[in-house]
C-alpha atoms as a PDB file:
ATOM      1  CA  UNK A   1      27.585   1.882   4.695  1.00  0.00           C
ATOM      2  CA  UNK A   2      24.389   3.808   5.428  1.00  0.00           C
ATOM      3  CA  UNK A   3      24.144   7.445   4.557  1.00  0.00           C
ATOM      4  CA  UNK A   4      21.687  10.238   4.169  1.00  0.00           C
ATOM      5  CA  UNK A   5      21.057  12.444   1.186  1.00  0.00           C
ATOM      6  CA  UNK A   6      19.331  15.723   1.876  1.00  0.00           C
ATOM      7  CA  UNK A   7      16.959  16.932  -0.839  1.00  0.00           C
ATOM      8  CA  UNK A   8      15.682  20.472  -0.568  1.00  0.00           C
ATOM      9  CA  UNK A   9      12.984  21.870  -2.816  1.00  0.00           C
ATOM     10  CA  UNK A  10      13.034  25.583  -2.094  1.00  0.00           C
ATOM     11  CA  UNK A  11       9.958  26.299  -4.226  1.00  0.00           C
ATOM     12  CA  UNK A  12       7.571  24.566  -1.834  1.00  0.00           C
ATOM     13  CA  UNK A  13       9.905  24.584   1.165  1.00  0.00           C
ATOM     14  CA  UNK A  14       9.821  20.813   1.125  1.00  0.00           C
ATOM     15  CA  UNK A  15      12.674  19.007   2.835  1.00  0.00           C
ATOM     16  CA  UNK A  16      13.108  15.248   2.628  1.00  0.00           C
ATOM     17  CA  UNK A  17      15.889  12.978   3.692  1.00  0.00           C
ATOM     18  CA  UNK A  18      16.567   9.907   1.569  1.00  0.00           C
ATOM     19  CA  UNK A  19      18.076   6.892   3.251  1.00  0.00           C
ATOM     20  CA  UNK A  20      20.411   4.440   1.597  1.00  0.00           C
ATOM     21  CA  UNK A  21      19.534   0.778   1.916  1.00  0.00           C
ATOM     22  CA  UNK A  22      22.073  -1.815   0.908  1.00  0.00           C
ATOM     23  CA  UNK A  23      20.825  -5.264  -0.037  1.00  0.00           C
ATOM     24  CA  UNK A  24      22.435  -8.368  -1.428  1.00  0.00           C
ATOM     25  CA  UNK A  25      20.755 -10.296  -4.218  1.00  0.00           C
ATOM     26  CA  UNK A  26      21.963 -13.193  -6.324  1.00  0.00           C
ATOM     27  CA  UNK A  27      22.765 -12.733 -10.007  1.00  0.00           C
ATOM     28  CA  UNK A  28      19.414 -13.971 -11.292  1.00  0.00           C
ATOM     29  CA  UNK A  29      17.468 -11.559  -9.070  1.00  0.00           C
ATOM     30  CA  UNK A  30      19.752  -8.695 -10.102  1.00  0.00           C
ATOM     31  CA  UNK A  31      19.240  -9.462 -13.789  1.00  0.00           C
ATOM     32  CA  UNK A  32      15.450  -9.526 -13.325  1.00  0.00           C
ATOM     33  CA  UNK A  33      15.521  -6.222 -11.433  1.00  0.00           C
ATOM     34  CA  UNK A  34      17.741  -4.648 -14.078  1.00  0.00           C
ATOM     35  CA  UNK A  35      15.546  -5.826 -16.959  1.00  0.00           C
ATOM     36  CA  UNK A  36      12.353  -4.648 -15.229  1.00  0.00           C
ATOM     37  CA  UNK A  37      13.897  -1.268 -14.397  1.00  0.00           C
ATOM     38  CA  UNK A  38      15.154  -0.770 -17.941  1.00  0.00           C
ATOM     39  CA  UNK A  39      11.715  -1.716 -19.269  1.00  0.00           C
ATOM     40  CA  UNK A  40      10.246   1.204 -17.314  1.00  0.00           C
ATOM     41  CA  UNK A  41      13.169   3.542 -18.077  1.00  0.00           C
ATOM     42  CA  UNK A  42      14.102   3.701 -14.403  1.00  0.00           C
ATOM     43  CA  UNK A  43      17.219   3.057 -12.408  1.00  0.00           C
ATOM     44  CA  UNK A  44      17.175  -0.113 -10.331  1.00  0.00           C
ATOM     45  CA  UNK A  45      16.902   2.038  -7.212  1.00  0.00           C
ATOM     46  CA  UNK A  46      13.862   4.007  -8.390  1.00  0.00           C
ATOM     47  CA  UNK A  47      12.270   0.830  -9.780  1.00  0.00           C
ATOM     48  CA  UNK A  48      12.609  -0.891  -6.408  1.00  0.00           C
ATOM     49  CA  UNK A  49      11.243   2.173  -4.589  1.00  0.00           C
ATOM     50  CA  UNK A  50       8.288   2.427  -6.994  1.00  0.00           C
ATOM     51  CA  UNK A  51       7.559  -1.307  -6.742  1.00  0.00           C
ATOM     52  CA  UNK A  52       7.766  -1.323  -2.945  1.00  0.00           C
ATOM     53  CA  UNK A  53       5.452   1.696  -2.639  1.00  0.00           C
ATOM     54  CA  UNK A  54       2.968   0.180  -5.101  1.00  0.00           C
ATOM     55  CA  UNK A  55       2.933  -3.044  -3.110  1.00  0.00           C
ATOM     56  CA  UNK A  56       2.475  -1.193   0.181  1.00  0.00           C
ATOM     57  CA  UNK A  57      -0.308   0.961  -1.277  1.00  0.00           C
ATOM     58  CA  UNK A  58      -2.072  -2.163  -2.592  1.00  0.00           C
ATOM     59  CA  UNK A  59      -1.806  -3.797   0.832  1.00  0.00           C
ATOM     60  CA  UNK A  60      -3.187  -0.673   2.516  1.00  0.00           C
ATOM     61  CA  UNK A  61      -6.117  -0.580   0.065  1.00  0.00           C
ATOM     62  CA  UNK A  62      -6.836  -4.269   0.670  1.00  0.00           C
ATOM     63  CA  UNK A  63      -6.802  -3.664   4.419  1.00  0.00           C
ATOM     64  CA  UNK A  64      -9.187  -0.706   3.999  1.00  0.00           C
ATOM     65  CA  UNK A  65     -11.500  -2.928   1.922  1.00  0.00           C
ATOM     66  CA  UNK A  66     -11.422  -5.654   4.580  1.00  0.00           C
ATOM     67  CA  UNK A  67     -12.179  -3.130   7.312  1.00  0.00           C
ATOM     68  CA  UNK A  68     -15.115  -1.757   5.307  1.00  0.00           C
ATOM     69  CA  UNK A  69     -16.500  -5.250   4.765  1.00  0.00           C
ATOM     70  CA  UNK A  70     -16.140  -6.061   8.466  1.00  0.00           C
ATOM     71  CA  UNK A  71     -18.019  -2.863   9.376  1.00  0.00           C
ATOM     72  CA  UNK A  72     -20.758  -3.713   6.870  1.00  0.00           C
ATOM     73  CA  UNK A  73     -21.084  -7.237   8.291  1.00  0.00           C
ATOM     74  CA  UNK A  74     -21.395  -5.873  11.854  1.00  0.00           C
ATOM     75  CA  UNK A  75     -23.973  -3.347  10.708  1.00  0.00           C
ATOM     76  CA  UNK A  76     -26.040  -6.026   8.968  1.00  0.00           C
ATOM     77  CA  UNK A  77     -25.865  -8.304  12.011  1.00  0.00           C
ATOM     78  CA  UNK A  78     -27.037  -5.444  14.242  1.00  0.00           C
ATOM     79  CA  UNK A  79     -29.888  -4.695  11.835  1.00  0.00           C
ATOM     80  CA  UNK A  80     -30.958  -8.345  11.813  1.00  0.00           C
ATOM     81  CA  UNK A  81     -30.920  -8.452  15.625  1.00  0.00           C
ATOM     82  CA  UNK A  82     -33.059  -5.286  15.703  1.00  0.00           C
ATOM     83  CA  UNK A  83     -35.605  -6.775  13.293  1.00  0.00           C
ATOM     84  CA  UNK A  84     -35.868  -9.928  15.414  1.00  0.00           C
ATOM     85  CA  UNK A  85     -36.589  -7.902  18.542  1.00  0.00           C
ATOM     86  CA  UNK A  86     -39.372  -5.894  16.862  1.00  0.00           C
ATOM     87  CA  UNK A  87     -40.837  -8.915  15.014  1.00  0.00           C
ATOM     88  CA  UNK A  88     -42.562  -7.037  12.213  1.00  0.00           C
ATOM     89  CA  UNK A  89     -45.573  -8.686  10.619  1.00  0.00           C
ATOM     90  CA  UNK A  90     -45.992  -8.302   6.867  1.00  0.00           C
ATOM     91  CA  UNK A  91     -49.627  -7.899   5.746  1.00  0.00           C
ATOM     92  CA  UNK A  92     -50.484  -8.318   2.089  1.00  0.00           C
END
């Protein structure tokens, strides 16, 4: 059932191995996949690969954003703690 397809691009000496994944979907899911793929002029296989990668990239970006916000929050907390220790007095 599972196989490998070897793609070789000799121009850039790039070698990649594609893996076959077999899934079962009901008729309504298949029809939706087929319509979406046709709408983008793709095969169902390339549509599913594109969609999966887009979803994974979005998740990775969201995780990067969360990490950045967590780092910012820690930095601000540290800054606030530092200000409290030094107790600056504002003179007008």
